[in-house]
Amino acid sequence: MTKSELREIVRSNLNKITTGVNSLLHGDDLGRVREILERLGRNQRLPHWFRQLSESGTLPNLDGKTIGSVIEMLFVSVVEKDIFCEYEIEPLRINPASGVDIPDLDLGVKSPSENFCTSEPFFSPYERLIGSEYDIVVLLTDYQTAKQEPPLKLQIIKSKYLNKTQVADLGLCTIARNLREWLLSESEPWAKKVFRFLAYINQQDWQAKHLLKLVEVLADQESIVERIQDARNNYHKQNELRVRANKEPLPEEVIHDIEQILTIRPIRLGVIDVADNWVVNIHKDAARTPTENEWNRLVSGPLDGEIGMSFALQWRYNFGHVFR
């Protein structure tokens, strides 16, 4: 069977798998997957938490990263033992170093807690729009709550299967998808600049946040003018608050650049140029245009992201949109 076919089996049985993992987290009949856990363990030894979990249904006081490893191992154990048992499938491996948690399925396993967040390796800023290279299973745990009352009795409270293109930023993808057809009909260079801005934006930056609001209405000149006025009003309000709090005010150039858009014709070109200048000024030489492969996916992909993605040395995935 192909990896795609195997992933589809996982997707269609996700509720059953989740129930199975929770049963093992209770310590119920953990011995039935002992051989699998031994094979998956470091140096092919049983994990250090196996005995306590099998005897008391609890885990040692583990950090979030180790909890992720526990969930991965139990997930693979249930998939092998209960889901793939009727197929002739080679034993599955866990190897995050390969770039994906379960390489034999090309499938990632993410286990955020109630804050909905995980940290992930960073490869390309355009992942915020085109998504990951792999599908993922998201297993939301109650770790934040459970660790407050040791010993640790962990459970999965919700689960979700996401296609690789869905592992992208919901808000940014919505803007890109709404603008794509219009941008490509107007100008491919415009489209590339807008997509680059969306890929590199830091929404904690005051100017970038207001430029994003302008990009969002790029095809509507009246709305652009209204939002520039909104930005001006917000600039003065924020600086009043900063002065009262003895904080350094926002520099004048951040609103000046936005107001300069009103002098450029067509006005939408002013928005695009100022947004593009922001990318270059902040990211310097690191702000690259999309590769040919990335561009093709930007042009023809679904842009159907469902999560939040913050730009940093690593990605910060936020699955709040998925589970709320």
C-alpha atoms as a PDB file:
ATOM      1  CA  MET A   1       0.000   0.000   0.000  1.00  0.00           C
ATOM      2  CA  THR A   2       1.138   3.550  -0.680  1.00  0.00           C
ATOM      3  CA  LYS A   3       1.856   6.068   2.070  1.00  0.00           C
ATOM      4  CA  SER A   4      -1.145   8.064   0.922  1.00  0.00           C
ATOM      5  CA  GLU A   5      -3.435   5.047   1.314  1.00  0.00           C
ATOM      6  CA  LEU A   6      -2.029   4.304   4.771  1.00  0.00           C
ATOM      7  CA  ARG A   7      -2.544   7.916   5.864  1.00  0.00           C
ATOM      8  CA  GLU A   8      -6.148   7.735   4.712  1.00  0.00           C
ATOM      9  CA  ILE A   9      -6.642   4.671   6.924  1.00  0.00           C
ATOM     10  CA  VAL A  10      -5.229   6.657   9.852  1.00  0.00           C
ATOM     11  CA  ARG A  11      -7.494   9.609   9.063  1.00  0.00           C
ATOM     12  CA  SER A  12     -10.655   7.491   8.890  1.00  0.00           C
ATOM     13  CA  ASN A  13      -9.781   5.714  12.149  1.00  0.00           C
ATOM     14  CA  LEU A  14      -8.558   8.725  14.133  1.00  0.00           C
ATOM     15  CA  ASN A  15     -11.306   8.497  16.765  1.00  0.00           C
ATOM     16  CA  LYS A  16     -10.516   4.835  17.337  1.00  0.00           C
ATOM     17  CA  ILE A  17      -6.793   5.595  17.557  1.00  0.00           C
ATOM     18  CA  THR A  18      -7.410   8.413  20.047  1.00  0.00           C
ATOM     19  CA  THR A  19      -9.491   6.100  22.224  1.00  0.00           C
ATOM     20  CA  GLY A  20      -6.735   3.489  22.064  1.00  0.00           C
ATOM     21  CA  VAL A  21      -4.018   5.949  23.063  1.00  0.00           C
ATOM     22  CA  ASN A  22      -6.131   7.163  25.991  1.00  0.00           C
ATOM     23  CA  SER A  23      -6.624   3.583  27.120  1.00  0.00           C
ATOM     24  CA  LEU A  24      -2.846   3.076  27.152  1.00  0.00           C
ATOM     25  CA  LEU A  25      -2.417   6.371  29.020  1.00  0.00           C
ATOM     26  CA  HIS A  26      -4.680   4.880  31.689  1.00  0.00           C
ATOM     27  CA  GLY A  27      -2.252   1.943  31.846  1.00  0.00           C
ATOM     28  CA  ASP A  28      -4.933  -0.421  30.510  1.00  0.00           C
ATOM     29  CA  ASP A  29      -3.333  -3.565  29.057  1.00  0.00           C
ATOM     30  CA  LEU A  30      -0.123  -1.685  28.244  1.00  0.00           C
ATOM     31  CA  GLY A  31       1.640  -5.016  28.001  1.00  0.00           C
ATOM     32  CA  ARG A  32      -0.006  -5.740  24.661  1.00  0.00           C
ATOM     33  CA  VAL A  33       2.165  -3.086  23.011  1.00  0.00           C
ATOM     34  CA  ARG A  34       5.276  -3.843  25.060  1.00  0.00           C
ATOM     35  CA  GLU A  35       7.237  -5.227  22.104  1.00  0.00           C
ATOM     36  CA  ILE A  36       6.418  -2.226  19.943  1.00  0.00           C
ATOM     37  CA  LEU A  37       7.449   0.228  22.657  1.00  0.00           C
ATOM     38  CA  GLU A  38      10.643  -1.723  23.228  1.00  0.00           C
ATOM     39  CA  ARG A  39      11.454  -1.530  19.522  1.00  0.00           C
ATOM     40  CA  LEU A  40      10.734   2.203  19.439  1.00  0.00           C
ATOM     41  CA  GLY A  41      12.632   2.945  22.662  1.00  0.00           C
ATOM     42  CA  ARG A  42      16.168   4.280  22.810  1.00  0.00           C
ATOM     43  CA  ASN A  43      18.653   1.484  22.217  1.00  0.00           C
ATOM     44  CA  GLN A  44      15.586  -0.747  21.742  1.00  0.00           C
ATOM     45  CA  ARG A  45      14.798  -0.710  25.433  1.00  0.00           C
ATOM     46  CA  LEU A  46      11.481  -0.064  27.106  1.00  0.00           C
ATOM     47  CA  PRO A  47      10.963   3.645  27.851  1.00  0.00           C
ATOM     48  CA  HIS A  48      11.736   4.656  31.430  1.00  0.00           C
ATOM     49  CA  TRP A  49       8.085   5.605  32.013  1.00  0.00           C
ATOM     50  CA  PHE A  50       6.671   2.206  30.978  1.00  0.00           C
ATOM     51  CA  ARG A  51       6.683   0.556  34.395  1.00  0.00           C
ATOM     52  CA  GLN A  52       4.971   3.408  36.244  1.00  0.00           C
ATOM     53  CA  LEU A  53       2.348   3.818  33.516  1.00  0.00           C
ATOM     54  CA  SER A  54       1.554   0.100  33.427  1.00  0.00           C
ATOM     55  CA  GLU A  55       1.336  -0.193  37.223  1.00  0.00           C
ATOM     56  CA  SER A  56      -0.508   2.999  38.166  1.00  0.00           C
ATOM     57  CA  GLY A  57      -1.769   4.616  34.974  1.00  0.00           C
ATOM     58  CA  THR A  58       0.383   7.658  35.667  1.00  0.00           C
ATOM     59  CA  LEU A  59       3.501   9.182  34.157  1.00  0.00           C
ATOM     60  CA  PRO A  60       6.569  10.658  35.868  1.00  0.00           C
ATOM     61  CA  ASN A  61       6.875  14.440  36.042  1.00  0.00           C
ATOM     62  CA  LEU A  62       7.864  14.984  32.393  1.00  0.00           C
ATOM     63  CA  ASP A  63       8.418  18.170  30.393  1.00  0.00           C
ATOM     64  CA  GLY A  64       6.323  19.022  27.354  1.00  0.00           C
ATOM     65  CA  LYS A  65       8.880  17.763  24.836  1.00  0.00           C
ATOM     66  CA  THR A  66       9.101  14.364  26.519  1.00  0.00           C
ATOM     67  CA  ILE A  67       5.310  14.185  26.676  1.00  0.00           C
ATOM     68  CA  GLY A  68       5.338  14.625  22.909  1.00  0.00           C
ATOM     69  CA  SER A  69       7.630  11.608  22.571  1.00  0.00           C
ATOM     70  CA  VAL A  70       5.355   9.525  24.828  1.00  0.00           C
ATOM     71  CA  ILE A  71       2.312  10.418  22.711  1.00  0.00           C
ATOM     72  CA  GLU A  72       4.165   9.603  19.472  1.00  0.00           C
ATOM     73  CA  MET A  73       5.197   6.157  20.740  1.00  0.00           C
ATOM     74  CA  LEU A  74       1.724   5.286  22.000  1.00  0.00           C
ATOM     75  CA  PHE A  75       0.165   6.593  18.786  1.00  0.00           C
ATOM     76  CA  VAL A  76       2.407   4.375  16.640  1.00  0.00           C
ATOM     77  CA  SER A  77       1.731   1.426  18.948  1.00  0.00           C
ATOM     78  CA  VAL A  78      -2.042   1.743  18.534  1.00  0.00           C
ATOM     79  CA  VAL A  79      -1.792   2.261  14.767  1.00  0.00           C
ATOM     80  CA  GLU A  80       0.341  -0.870  14.369  1.00  0.00           C
ATOM     81  CA  LYS A  81      -1.557  -3.068  16.824  1.00  0.00           C
ATOM     82  CA  ASP A  82      -5.154  -2.070  16.178  1.00  0.00           C
ATOM     83  CA  ILE A  83      -5.346  -0.375  12.768  1.00  0.00           C
ATOM     84  CA  PHE A  84      -2.707  -1.862  10.484  1.00  0.00           C
ATOM     85  CA  CYS A  85      -2.945  -5.357  11.979  1.00  0.00           C
ATOM     86  CA  GLU A  86      -4.886  -6.700   8.998  1.00  0.00           C
ATOM     87  CA  TYR A  87      -2.387  -5.380   6.468  1.00  0.00           C
ATOM     88  CA  GLU A  88       1.118  -6.599   5.674  1.00  0.00           C
ATOM     89  CA  ILE A  89       2.931  -3.458   6.775  1.00  0.00           C
ATOM     90  CA  GLU A  90       6.551  -3.118   7.841  1.00  0.00           C
ATOM     91  CA  PRO A  91       7.026  -1.925  11.447  1.00  0.00           C
ATOM     92  CA  LEU A  92       6.752   1.840  11.697  1.00  0.00           C
ATOM     93  CA  ARG A  93       9.630   4.047  12.756  1.00  0.00           C
ATOM     94  CA  ILE A  94       9.685   7.312  14.685  1.00  0.00           C
ATOM     95  CA  ASN A  95      12.400   9.590  13.364  1.00  0.00           C
ATOM     96  CA  PRO A  96      11.796  13.346  13.805  1.00  0.00           C
ATOM     97  CA  ALA A  97      15.375  13.984  12.636  1.00  0.00           C
ATOM     98  CA  SER A  98      14.248  12.995   9.131  1.00  0.00           C
ATOM     99  CA  GLY A  99      11.978  16.046   9.084  1.00  0.00           C
ATOM    100  CA  VAL A 100       8.786  14.122   9.781  1.00  0.00           C
ATOM    101  CA  ASP A 101       7.822  12.164  12.911  1.00  0.00           C
ATOM    102  CA  ILE A 102       6.665   8.965  11.185  1.00  0.00           C
ATOM    103  CA  PRO A 103       8.618   8.778   7.904  1.00  0.00           C
ATOM    104  CA  ASP A 104       7.021   5.490   6.817  1.00  0.00           C
ATOM    105  CA  LEU A 105       3.712   7.350   6.571  1.00  0.00           C
ATOM    106  CA  ASP A 106       5.036  10.849   5.814  1.00  0.00           C
ATOM    107  CA  LEU A 107       2.975  11.919   8.805  1.00  0.00           C
ATOM    108  CA  GLY A 108       3.682  14.283  11.683  1.00  0.00           C
ATOM    109  CA  VAL A 109       2.255  13.953  15.197  1.00  0.00           C
ATOM    110  CA  LYS A 110       1.740  17.122  17.240  1.00  0.00           C
ATOM    111  CA  SER A 111       0.592  17.071  20.869  1.00  0.00           C
ATOM    112  CA  PRO A 112      -0.141  20.600  22.116  1.00  0.00           C
ATOM    113  CA  SER A 113      -1.723  21.168  25.513  1.00  0.00           C
ATOM    114  CA  GLU A 114      -4.523  23.577  26.432  1.00  0.00           C
ATOM    115  CA  ASN A 115      -2.484  26.575  25.260  1.00  0.00           C
ATOM    116  CA  PHE A 116      -2.818  25.050  21.753  1.00  0.00           C
ATOM    117  CA  CYS A 117       0.820  25.806  20.841  1.00  0.00           C
ATOM    118  CA  THR A 118       3.848  23.837  19.702  1.00  0.00           C
ATOM    119  CA  SER A 119       7.283  24.899  18.421  1.00  0.00           C
ATOM    120  CA  GLU A 120       8.271  23.479  15.056  1.00  0.00           C
ATOM    121  CA  PRO A 121      11.381  23.567  12.824  1.00  0.00           C
ATOM    122  CA  PHE A 122      11.538  26.503  10.414  1.00  0.00           C
ATOM    123  CA  PHE A 123      12.261  25.812   6.757  1.00  0.00           C
ATOM    124  CA  SER A 124      10.621  28.503   4.615  1.00  0.00           C
ATOM    125  CA  PRO A 125       8.549  31.609   5.441  1.00  0.00           C
ATOM    126  CA  TYR A 126       6.209  30.659   2.608  1.00  0.00           C
ATOM    127  CA  GLU A 127       5.004  27.709   4.679  1.00  0.00           C
ATOM    128  CA  ARG A 128       2.671  30.251   6.302  1.00  0.00           C
ATOM    129  CA  LEU A 129       0.732  30.253   3.017  1.00  0.00           C
ATOM    130  CA  ILE A 130       1.435  26.973   1.218  1.00  0.00           C
ATOM    131  CA  GLY A 131       1.621  24.714   4.275  1.00  0.00           C
ATOM    132  CA  SER A 132       3.900  21.904   5.370  1.00  0.00           C
ATOM    133  CA  GLU A 133       5.509  19.111   3.372  1.00  0.00           C
ATOM    134  CA  TYR A 134       3.544  16.568   5.399  1.00  0.00           C
ATOM    135  CA  ASP A 135       0.085  15.898   6.801  1.00  0.00           C
ATOM    136  CA  ILE A 136      -0.168  15.988  10.587  1.00  0.00           C
ATOM    137  CA  VAL A 137      -2.271  14.476  13.343  1.00  0.00           C
ATOM    138  CA  VAL A 138      -2.918  16.918  16.197  1.00  0.00           C
ATOM    139  CA  LEU A 139      -3.605  15.295  19.575  1.00  0.00           C
ATOM    140  CA  LEU A 140      -4.651  17.935  22.108  1.00  0.00           C
ATOM    141  CA  THR A 141      -3.717  16.867  25.655  1.00  0.00           C
ATOM    142  CA  ASP A 142      -4.694  18.089  29.116  1.00  0.00           C
ATOM    143  CA  TYR A 143      -1.039  18.325  30.180  1.00  0.00           C
ATOM    144  CA  GLN A 144      -1.250  21.891  31.553  1.00  0.00           C
ATOM    145  CA  THR A 145      -4.109  20.903  33.851  1.00  0.00           C
ATOM    146  CA  ALA A 146      -2.935  17.401  34.716  1.00  0.00           C
ATOM    147  CA  LYS A 147       0.568  18.454  35.784  1.00  0.00           C
ATOM    148  CA  GLN A 148      -0.953  20.639  38.523  1.00  0.00           C
ATOM    149  CA  GLU A 149      -2.110  17.528  40.395  1.00  0.00           C
ATOM    150  CA  PRO A 150       0.670  14.901  40.363  1.00  0.00           C
ATOM    151  CA  PRO A 151       1.096  12.081  39.688  1.00  0.00           C
ATOM    152  CA  LEU A 152       0.554  12.898  36.034  1.00  0.00           C
ATOM    153  CA  LYS A 153      -2.624  11.349  34.609  1.00  0.00           C
ATOM    154  CA  LEU A 154      -2.536  12.449  30.993  1.00  0.00           C
ATOM    155  CA  GLN A 155      -5.341  12.224  28.434  1.00  0.00           C
ATOM    156  CA  ILE A 156      -6.023  13.346  24.876  1.00  0.00           C
ATOM    157  CA  ILE A 157      -9.087  15.574  24.947  1.00  0.00           C
ATOM    158  CA  LYS A 158      -9.472  16.271  21.209  1.00  0.00           C
ATOM    159  CA  SER A 159      -7.877  15.151  17.954  1.00  0.00           C
ATOM    160  CA  LYS A 160      -7.731  16.446  14.399  1.00  0.00           C
ATOM    161  CA  TYR A 161      -6.194  15.353  11.097  1.00  0.00           C
ATOM    162  CA  LEU A 162      -4.817  18.186   8.934  1.00  0.00           C
ATOM    163  CA  ASN A 163      -3.722  17.941   5.307  1.00  0.00           C
ATOM    164  CA  LYS A 164      -0.318  19.458   4.632  1.00  0.00           C
ATOM    165  CA  THR A 165      -1.795  22.575   2.990  1.00  0.00           C
ATOM    166  CA  GLN A 166      -3.948  23.142   6.089  1.00  0.00           C
ATOM    167  CA  VAL A 167      -0.792  23.469   8.220  1.00  0.00           C
ATOM    168  CA  ALA A 168      -0.648  27.154   7.298  1.00  0.00           C
ATOM    169  CA  ASP A 169      -1.866  30.440   8.767  1.00  0.00           C
ATOM    170  CA  LEU A 170      -5.649  30.806   8.624  1.00  0.00           C
ATOM    171  CA  GLY A 171      -5.782  34.609   8.538  1.00  0.00           C
ATOM    172  CA  LEU A 172      -2.937  35.131   6.057  1.00  0.00           C
ATOM    173  CA  CYS A 173      -4.217  32.389   3.750  1.00  0.00           C
ATOM    174  CA  THR A 174      -7.686  33.961   3.756  1.00  0.00           C
ATOM    175  CA  ILE A 175      -6.243  37.308   2.635  1.00  0.00           C
ATOM    176  CA  ALA A 176      -4.008  35.671   0.003  1.00  0.00           C
ATOM    177  CA  ARG A 177      -6.870  33.545  -1.341  1.00  0.00           C
ATOM    178  CA  ASN A 178      -9.247  36.509  -1.560  1.00  0.00           C
ATOM    179  CA  LEU A 179      -6.674  38.634  -3.428  1.00  0.00           C
ATOM    180  CA  ARG A 180      -4.993  36.000  -5.594  1.00  0.00           C
ATOM    181  CA  GLU A 181      -7.181  36.061  -8.710  1.00  0.00           C
ATOM    182  CA  TRP A 182      -7.365  39.840  -8.776  1.00  0.00           C
ATOM    183  CA  LEU A 183      -3.623  40.282  -8.156  1.00  0.00           C
ATOM    184  CA  LEU A 184      -2.603  37.824 -10.874  1.00  0.00           C
ATOM    185  CA  SER A 185      -4.908  39.547 -13.367  1.00  0.00           C
ATOM    186  CA  GLU A 186      -3.414  42.938 -12.466  1.00  0.00           C
ATOM    187  CA  SER A 187       0.304  42.172 -12.187  1.00  0.00           C
ATOM    188  CA  GLU A 188       2.423  39.119 -11.337  1.00  0.00           C
ATOM    189  CA  PRO A 189       5.172  41.304  -9.763  1.00  0.00           C
ATOM    190  CA  TRP A 190       2.488  42.857  -7.520  1.00  0.00           C
ATOM    191  CA  ALA A 191       1.323  39.390  -6.520  1.00  0.00           C
ATOM    192  CA  LYS A 192       4.857  38.292  -5.651  1.00  0.00           C
ATOM    193  CA  LYS A 193       5.414  41.352  -3.457  1.00  0.00           C
ATOM    194  CA  VAL A 194       2.106  40.883  -1.640  1.00  0.00           C
ATOM    195  CA  PHE A 195       2.722  37.170  -1.038  1.00  0.00           C
ATOM    196  CA  ARG A 196       6.230  37.944   0.207  1.00  0.00           C
ATOM    197  CA  PHE A 197       4.813  40.493   2.659  1.00  0.00           C
ATOM    198  CA  LEU A 198       2.259  37.976   3.917  1.00  0.00           C
ATOM    199  CA  ALA A 199       4.983  35.344   4.335  1.00  0.00           C
ATOM    200  CA  TYR A 200       7.366  37.589   6.281  1.00  0.00           C
ATOM    201  CA  ILE A 201       4.993  39.786   8.288  1.00  0.00           C
ATOM    202  CA  ASN A 202       5.398  40.171  12.036  1.00  0.00           C
ATOM    203  CA  GLN A 203       1.960  41.119  13.302  1.00  0.00           C
ATOM    204  CA  GLN A 204       3.425  42.365  16.600  1.00  0.00           C
ATOM    205  CA  ASP A 205       4.970  45.233  14.637  1.00  0.00           C
ATOM    206  CA  TRP A 206       2.630  48.271  14.669  1.00  0.00           C
ATOM    207  CA  GLN A 207       3.364  49.381  11.122  1.00  0.00           C
ATOM    208  CA  ALA A 208       3.195  45.868   9.676  1.00  0.00           C
ATOM    209  CA  LYS A 209      -0.141  45.221  11.393  1.00  0.00           C
ATOM    210  CA  HIS A 210      -1.687  48.323   9.805  1.00  0.00           C
ATOM    211  CA  LEU A 211      -0.126  47.586   6.422  1.00  0.00           C
ATOM    212  CA  LEU A 212      -1.772  44.169   6.599  1.00  0.00           C
ATOM    213  CA  LYS A 213      -5.139  45.884   7.084  1.00  0.00           C
ATOM    214  CA  LEU A 214      -4.451  47.903   3.918  1.00  0.00           C
ATOM    215  CA  VAL A 215      -3.374  44.832   1.958  1.00  0.00           C
ATOM    216  CA  GLU A 216      -6.577  43.118   3.027  1.00  0.00           C
ATOM    217  CA  VAL A 217      -8.645  45.714   1.091  1.00  0.00           C
ATOM    218  CA  LEU A 218      -6.124  46.236  -1.700  1.00  0.00           C
ATOM    219  CA  ALA A 219      -8.712  46.120  -4.500  1.00  0.00           C
ATOM    220  CA  ASP A 220     -10.914  48.811  -2.889  1.00  0.00           C
ATOM    221  CA  GLN A 221      -9.471  52.339  -3.025  1.00  0.00           C
ATOM    222  CA  GLU A 222     -12.085  53.862  -0.692  1.00  0.00           C
ATOM    223  CA  SER A 223     -11.402  51.273   1.976  1.00  0.00           C
ATOM    224  CA  ILE A 224      -7.654  51.923   1.692  1.00  0.00           C
ATOM    225  CA  VAL A 225      -8.195  55.624   2.368  1.00  0.00           C
ATOM    226  CA  GLU A 226     -10.479  54.865   5.341  1.00  0.00           C
ATOM    227  CA  ARG A 227      -7.959  52.468   6.856  1.00  0.00           C
ATOM    228  CA  ILE A 228      -5.112  54.947   6.486  1.00  0.00           C
ATOM    229  CA  GLN A 229      -7.220  57.355   8.544  1.00  0.00           C
ATOM    230  CA  ASP A 230      -7.824  54.563  11.071  1.00  0.00           C
ATOM    231  CA  ALA A 231      -4.059  53.998  11.237  1.00  0.00           C
ATOM    232  CA  ARG A 232      -3.461  57.716  11.841  1.00  0.00           C
ATOM    233  CA  ASN A 233      -6.008  57.766  14.677  1.00  0.00           C
ATOM    234  CA  ASN A 234      -4.566  54.600  16.209  1.00  0.00           C
ATOM    235  CA  TYR A 235      -1.026  56.002  15.985  1.00  0.00           C
ATOM    236  CA  HIS A 236      -1.960  59.031  18.085  1.00  0.00           C
ATOM    237  CA  LYS A 237      -3.970  56.926  20.538  1.00  0.00           C
ATOM    238  CA  GLN A 238      -1.111  54.448  21.018  1.00  0.00           C
ATOM    239  CA  ASN A 239       1.397  57.217  21.616  1.00  0.00           C
ATOM    240  CA  GLU A 240      -0.864  58.830  24.220  1.00  0.00           C
ATOM    241  CA  LEU A 241      -1.034  55.508  26.034  1.00  0.00           C
ATOM    242  CA  ARG A 242       2.731  55.023  25.753  1.00  0.00           C
ATOM    243  CA  VAL A 243       3.471  58.457  27.175  1.00  0.00           C
ATOM    244  CA  ARG A 244       1.190  57.790  30.151  1.00  0.00           C
ATOM    245  CA  ALA A 245       2.968  54.489  30.745  1.00  0.00           C
ATOM    246  CA  ASN A 246       6.423  56.118  30.418  1.00  0.00           C
ATOM    247  CA  LYS A 247       7.142  54.064  27.321  1.00  0.00           C
ATOM    248  CA  GLU A 248       8.967  55.213  24.211  1.00  0.00           C
ATOM    249  CA  PRO A 249       6.448  56.489  21.624  1.00  0.00           C
ATOM    250  CA  LEU A 250       6.122  55.022  18.159  1.00  0.00           C
ATOM    251  CA  PRO A 251       8.499  56.824  15.781  1.00  0.00           C
ATOM    252  CA  GLU A 252       6.933  59.336  13.418  1.00  0.00           C
ATOM    253  CA  GLU A 253       8.229  57.554  10.323  1.00  0.00           C
ATOM    254  CA  VAL A 254       5.959  54.529  10.854  1.00  0.00           C
ATOM    255  CA  ILE A 255       2.835  56.643  10.259  1.00  0.00           C
ATOM    256  CA  HIS A 256       4.570  58.910   7.728  1.00  0.00           C
ATOM    257  CA  ASP A 257       5.273  55.923   5.458  1.00  0.00           C
ATOM    258  CA  ILE A 258       1.623  54.895   5.615  1.00  0.00           C
ATOM    259  CA  GLU A 259       0.329  58.425   4.972  1.00  0.00           C
ATOM    260  CA  GLN A 260       2.660  58.718   1.959  1.00  0.00           C
ATOM    261  CA  ILE A 261       0.539  56.035   0.282  1.00  0.00           C
ATOM    262  CA  LEU A 262      -2.114  58.719  -0.306  1.00  0.00           C
ATOM    263  CA  THR A 263       0.281  60.574  -2.651  1.00  0.00           C
ATOM    264  CA  ILE A 264       0.939  57.584  -4.916  1.00  0.00           C
ATOM    265  CA  ARG A 265      -1.155  56.635  -7.953  1.00  0.00           C
ATOM    266  CA  PRO A 266      -2.591  54.141  -8.246  1.00  0.00           C
ATOM    267  CA  ILE A 267      -3.005  54.099  -4.488  1.00  0.00           C
ATOM    268  CA  ARG A 268      -2.890  50.293  -4.346  1.00  0.00           C
ATOM    269  CA  LEU A 269       0.632  50.447  -5.782  1.00  0.00           C
ATOM    270  CA  GLY A 270       1.550  52.685  -2.833  1.00  0.00           C
ATOM    271  CA  VAL A 271       0.283  50.039  -0.410  1.00  0.00           C
ATOM    272  CA  ILE A 272       2.273  47.312  -2.169  1.00  0.00           C
ATOM    273  CA  ASP A 273       5.490  49.357  -2.303  1.00  0.00           C
ATOM    274  CA  VAL A 274       5.343  50.423   1.364  1.00  0.00           C
ATOM    275  CA  ALA A 275       4.568  46.842   2.435  1.00  0.00           C
ATOM    276  CA  ASP A 276       7.463  45.583   0.333  1.00  0.00           C
ATOM    277  CA  ASN A 277       9.785  48.221   1.794  1.00  0.00           C
ATOM    278  CA  TRP A 278       8.811  47.032   5.278  1.00  0.00           C
ATOM    279  CA  VAL A 279       9.911  43.488   4.392  1.00  0.00           C
ATOM    280  CA  VAL A 280      13.259  44.669   3.002  1.00  0.00           C
ATOM    281  CA  ASN A 281      13.941  47.069   5.886  1.00  0.00           C
ATOM    282  CA  ILE A 282      13.190  44.474   8.563  1.00  0.00           C
ATOM    283  CA  HIS A 283      14.545  41.274   7.007  1.00  0.00           C
ATOM    284  CA  LYS A 284      17.284  42.687   4.773  1.00  0.00           C
ATOM    285  CA  ASP A 285      18.908  40.047   2.520  1.00  0.00           C
ATOM    286  CA  ALA A 286      16.965  37.244   4.199  1.00  0.00           C
ATOM    287  CA  ALA A 287      13.751  38.456   2.520  1.00  0.00           C
ATOM    288  CA  ARG A 288      13.815  36.293  -0.579  1.00  0.00           C
ATOM    289  CA  THR A 289      11.200  35.895  -3.277  1.00  0.00           C
ATOM    290  CA  PRO A 290       9.455  32.506  -3.587  1.00  0.00           C
ATOM    291  CA  THR A 291      11.219  29.680  -5.385  1.00  0.00           C
ATOM    292  CA  GLU A 292       9.628  28.330  -8.570  1.00  0.00           C
ATOM    293  CA  ASN A 293       8.066  25.467  -6.615  1.00  0.00           C
ATOM    294  CA  GLU A 294       6.742  27.812  -3.923  1.00  0.00           C
ATOM    295  CA  TRP A 295       5.363  30.206  -6.526  1.00  0.00           C
ATOM    296  CA  ASN A 296       3.524  27.419  -8.357  1.00  0.00           C
ATOM    297  CA  ARG A 297       1.947  26.351  -5.060  1.00  0.00           C
ATOM    298  CA  LEU A 298       1.017  29.949  -4.222  1.00  0.00           C
ATOM    299  CA  VAL A 299      -0.653  30.335  -7.613  1.00  0.00           C
ATOM    300  CA  SER A 300      -2.471  26.997  -7.783  1.00  0.00           C
ATOM    301  CA  GLY A 301      -2.632  25.700  -4.193  1.00  0.00           C
ATOM    302  CA  PRO A 302      -5.769  25.834  -2.051  1.00  0.00           C
ATOM    303  CA  LEU A 303      -4.374  28.386   0.463  1.00  0.00           C
ATOM    304  CA  ASP A 304      -6.596  26.685   3.032  1.00  0.00           C
ATOM    305  CA  GLY A 305      -4.543  27.085   6.219  1.00  0.00           C
ATOM    306  CA  GLU A 306      -6.345  26.360   9.481  1.00  0.00           C
ATOM    307  CA  ILE A 307      -3.855  27.257  12.202  1.00  0.00           C
ATOM    308  CA  GLY A 308      -1.929  30.259  13.502  1.00  0.00           C
ATOM    309  CA  MET A 309       1.775  30.537  12.636  1.00  0.00           C
ATOM    310  CA  SER A 310       4.123  33.041  14.278  1.00  0.00           C
ATOM    311  CA  PHE A 311       7.393  33.892  12.554  1.00  0.00           C
ATOM    312  CA  ALA A 312      10.540  33.337  14.660  1.00  0.00           C
ATOM    313  CA  LEU A 313      13.695  31.221  14.730  1.00  0.00           C
ATOM    314  CA  GLN A 314      11.220  28.350  14.930  1.00  0.00           C
ATOM    315  CA  TRP A 315       7.609  28.299  13.903  1.00  0.00           C
ATOM    316  CA  ARG A 316       5.092  28.638  16.689  1.00  0.00           C
ATOM    317  CA  TYR A 317       2.020  26.681  15.620  1.00  0.00           C
ATOM    318  CA  ASN A 318      -1.237  27.659  17.326  1.00  0.00           C
ATOM    319  CA  PHE A 319      -4.062  25.144  16.921  1.00  0.00           C
ATOM    320  CA  GLY A 320      -6.648  27.276  18.735  1.00  0.00           C
ATOM    321  CA  HIS A 321      -8.650  27.863  15.529  1.00  0.00           C
ATOM    322  CA  VAL A 322      -8.860  24.121  14.979  1.00  0.00           C
ATOM    323  CA  PHE A 323     -10.278  23.157  18.362  1.00  0.00           C
ATOM    324  CA  ARG A 324     -12.297  26.177  19.476  1.00  0.00           C
END
